[in-house]
Amino acid sequence: MKYVVSWTYRWNGSATENEDSMRRALEVFANWKPSETTTYHQFVGRLDGRGGFAVIETDNPLDLADGPNKFGFFAEYEVYPVVEMAEAAQTFQEGLEFRASIG
């Protein structure tokens, strides 16, 4: 199953506190490795410096807790299960057909 994970950095402190938090997050990130049971198709940062996105594939949804568990002190996470657009369009079509069948 594929998931889109988004995160937004917690810039809640003073400039000095935010810089200290960034230093710690970079130290943690330098030592982090993705789970062997995940495939990162995309792993990108926002150009405005406020967060990032990842498209991750895994058969174990618990793999998705890795980022929030290790970086939750620094960022807020949202996780969205996703499918390819052609598959999503098919479900939309099935919904239309179902509603049409009941009048």
Protein backbone atom coordinates (compact mmCIF):
# COMPACT_ATOMS: atom_id res chain seq x y z
CA MET A 1 0.00 0.00 0.00
CA LYS A 2 1.18 3.53 -0.73
CA TYR A 3 0.96 6.46 1.64
CA VAL A 4 1.68 10.15 1.38
CA VAL A 5 3.23 11.48 4.56
CA SER A 6 3.43 15.21 5.12
CA TRP A 7 5.12 17.05 7.92
CA THR A 8 5.25 20.61 9.12
CA TYR A 9 8.06 21.81 11.35
CA ARG A 10 7.22 23.07 14.82
CA TRP A 11 8.60 26.61 14.79
CA ASN A 12 7.09 27.47 18.18
CA GLY A 13 10.06 28.82 20.08
CA SER A 14 12.36 31.78 19.91
CA ALA A 15 14.83 32.01 17.04
CA THR A 16 17.53 30.50 19.27
CA GLU A 17 15.24 27.67 20.42
CA ASN A 18 14.22 26.94 16.82
CA GLU A 19 17.86 26.82 15.72
CA ASP A 20 18.71 24.46 18.60
CA SER A 21 15.77 22.26 17.63
CA MET A 22 16.93 22.23 13.98
CA ARG A 23 20.45 21.24 15.04
CA ARG A 24 19.06 18.34 17.08
CA ALA A 25 16.72 17.26 14.27
CA LEU A 26 19.63 17.25 11.79
CA GLU A 27 21.73 15.22 14.22
CA VAL A 28 18.92 12.67 14.60
CA PHE A 29 18.27 12.63 10.83
CA ALA A 30 21.96 11.98 10.09
CA ASN A 31 21.69 8.77 12.12
CA TRP A 32 18.26 7.67 10.84
CA LYS A 33 17.68 4.99 8.23
CA PRO A 34 14.33 4.01 6.69
CA SER A 35 12.94 0.63 7.62
CA GLU A 36 14.01 -2.16 5.29
CA THR A 37 10.33 -2.97 4.73
CA THR A 38 9.54 0.45 3.24
CA THR A 39 10.16 1.91 -0.19
CA TYR A 40 10.46 5.68 -0.45
CA HIS A 41 9.31 6.65 -3.94
CA GLN A 42 9.64 10.37 -3.19
CA PHE A 43 11.21 12.14 -0.21
CA VAL A 44 11.12 15.90 -0.68
CA GLY A 45 11.38 19.08 1.36
CA ARG A 46 9.31 22.19 0.86
CA LEU A 47 11.22 25.14 -0.57
CA ASP A 48 9.62 27.48 1.97
CA GLY A 49 11.39 25.57 4.75
CA ARG A 50 8.17 24.64 6.53
CA GLY A 51 8.09 20.86 6.04
CA GLY A 52 8.10 18.11 3.45
CA PHE A 53 6.42 15.12 1.84
CA ALA A 54 7.18 11.46 1.25
CA VAL A 55 5.48 8.85 -0.89
CA ILE A 56 6.10 5.58 0.94
CA GLU A 57 5.12 2.04 0.06
CA THR A 58 4.86 -0.65 2.73
CA ASP A 59 2.79 -3.69 3.59
CA ASN A 60 3.03 -2.84 7.30
CA PRO A 61 1.27 0.41 8.28
CA LEU A 62 3.22 0.42 11.57
CA ASP A 63 6.30 1.33 9.51
CA LEU A 64 4.71 4.76 9.12
CA ALA A 65 5.04 5.43 12.86
CA ASP A 66 8.82 5.57 12.46
CA GLY A 67 8.99 9.23 11.42
CA PRO A 68 6.55 10.62 13.98
CA ASN A 69 8.09 8.51 16.76
CA LYS A 70 11.61 9.72 16.02
CA PHE A 71 10.96 13.26 14.79
CA GLY A 72 7.69 14.18 16.51
CA PHE A 73 9.59 16.53 18.82
CA PHE A 74 10.35 18.62 15.74
CA ALA A 75 7.46 18.16 13.28
CA GLU A 76 3.75 17.43 13.08
CA TYR A 77 2.83 14.55 10.76
CA GLU A 78 -0.16 13.61 8.62
CA VAL A 79 -0.45 10.24 6.88
CA TYR A 80 -2.74 9.60 3.92
CA PRO A 81 -3.33 6.18 2.36
CA VAL A 82 -3.37 6.61 -1.43
CA VAL A 83 -3.88 4.66 -4.66
CA GLU A 84 -2.94 5.36 -8.26
CA MET A 85 -5.31 7.86 -9.88
CA ALA A 86 -6.62 5.30 -12.37
CA GLU A 87 -7.71 3.11 -9.45
CA ALA A 88 -9.31 6.07 -7.67
CA ALA A 89 -11.15 7.04 -10.86
CA GLN A 90 -12.52 3.49 -11.10
CA THR A 91 -13.99 3.75 -7.60
CA PHE A 92 -15.56 7.11 -8.52
CA GLN A 93 -17.13 5.43 -11.57
CA GLU A 94 -18.45 2.58 -9.43
CA GLY A 95 -20.00 5.11 -7.06
CA LEU A 96 -21.72 6.90 -9.95
CA GLU A 97 -23.06 3.63 -11.32
CA PHE A 98 -24.35 2.59 -7.90
CA ARG A 99 -26.20 5.89 -7.38
CA ALA A 100 -27.64 5.71 -10.91
CA SER A 101 -28.92 2.18 -10.22
CA ILE A 102 -31.10 3.34 -7.34
CA GLY A 103 -32.78 6.14 -9.25
